[in-house]
Amino acid sequence: MNTTNHGRVVVFGGGIPLSFEGRIVGAVGASGSTVANDIEVAKAAVRAFETYPKARIGSSGSLL
């Protein structure tokens, strides 16, 4: 995948996209441990993001 996309794509086990209202708004990535641990850390971050049901992504970078 990296080769066919001119080095612009890197795949690793701890990456999870974040969606809001059916749109991808960002992603969470964790790396540095085993793939299984990295995935658990990323999932915890996604769960934290999901606790903000009216999350707003704006220029301030805050979740409200």
Protein backbone atom coordinates (compact mmCIF):
# COMPACT_ATOMS: atom_id res chain seq x y z
CA MET A 1 0.00 0.00 0.00
CA ASN A 2 2.83 2.40 0.86
CA THR A 3 4.56 1.76 -2.46
CA THR A 4 1.44 2.19 -4.59
CA ASN A 5 0.60 5.51 -2.91
CA HIS A 6 4.03 7.14 -3.26
CA GLY A 7 4.85 6.83 0.44
CA ARG A 8 1.78 8.79 1.56
CA VAL A 9 0.05 5.89 3.31
CA VAL A 10 1.32 4.04 6.35
CA VAL A 11 -0.68 1.20 7.86
CA PHE A 12 -0.29 0.23 11.49
CA GLY A 13 -2.39 -1.70 13.98
CA GLY A 14 -3.29 1.15 16.31
CA GLY A 15 -5.02 3.45 13.82
CA ILE A 16 -8.77 4.04 14.02
CA PRO A 17 -10.76 6.67 12.09
CA LEU A 18 -13.07 9.02 14.00
CA SER A 19 -16.47 9.73 12.54
CA PHE A 20 -19.16 12.23 13.46
CA GLU A 21 -22.58 12.39 11.83
CA GLY A 22 -21.48 9.85 9.23
CA ARG A 23 -18.34 11.76 8.18
CA ILE A 24 -14.71 10.96 8.92
CA VAL A 25 -13.41 13.91 10.97
CA GLY A 26 -10.01 12.61 11.97
CA ALA A 27 -8.26 9.61 13.37
CA VAL A 28 -6.56 8.28 16.47
CA GLY A 29 -3.24 6.54 16.28
CA ALA A 30 -1.23 4.72 18.91
CA SER A 31 2.13 3.10 18.40
CA GLY A 32 4.99 1.92 20.55
CA SER A 33 3.83 -1.32 22.07
CA THR A 34 2.47 -4.52 20.60
CA VAL A 35 -0.20 -4.23 17.92
CA ALA A 36 -2.78 -5.59 20.37
CA ASN A 37 -1.87 -2.97 23.02
CA ASP A 38 -1.79 -0.16 20.46
CA ILE A 39 -5.29 -1.12 19.29
CA GLU A 40 -6.60 -1.12 22.88
CA VAL A 41 -5.15 2.35 23.49
CA ALA A 42 -6.66 3.67 20.26
CA LYS A 43 -10.05 2.12 21.11
CA ALA A 44 -9.97 3.85 24.51
CA ALA A 45 -9.38 7.17 22.77
CA VAL A 46 -12.29 6.51 20.40
CA ARG A 47 -14.55 5.72 23.37
CA ALA A 48 -13.52 9.02 24.98
CA PHE A 49 -14.31 10.87 21.74
CA GLU A 50 -17.71 9.18 21.60
CA THR A 51 -18.62 10.54 25.06
CA TYR A 52 -19.06 13.94 23.39
CA PRO A 53 -22.31 13.32 21.47
CA LYS A 54 -22.42 16.90 20.20
CA ALA A 55 -18.73 17.13 19.42
CA ARG A 56 -17.84 20.10 17.33
CA ILE A 57 -14.60 20.21 15.42
CA GLY A 58 -13.63 23.80 14.76
CA SER A 59 -10.72 26.14 14.40
CA SER A 60 -10.28 26.23 18.17
CA GLY A 61 -9.59 22.49 18.14
CA SER A 62 -11.92 21.97 21.11
CA LEU A 63 -14.59 19.36 21.56
CA LEU A 64 -17.76 20.88 22.98
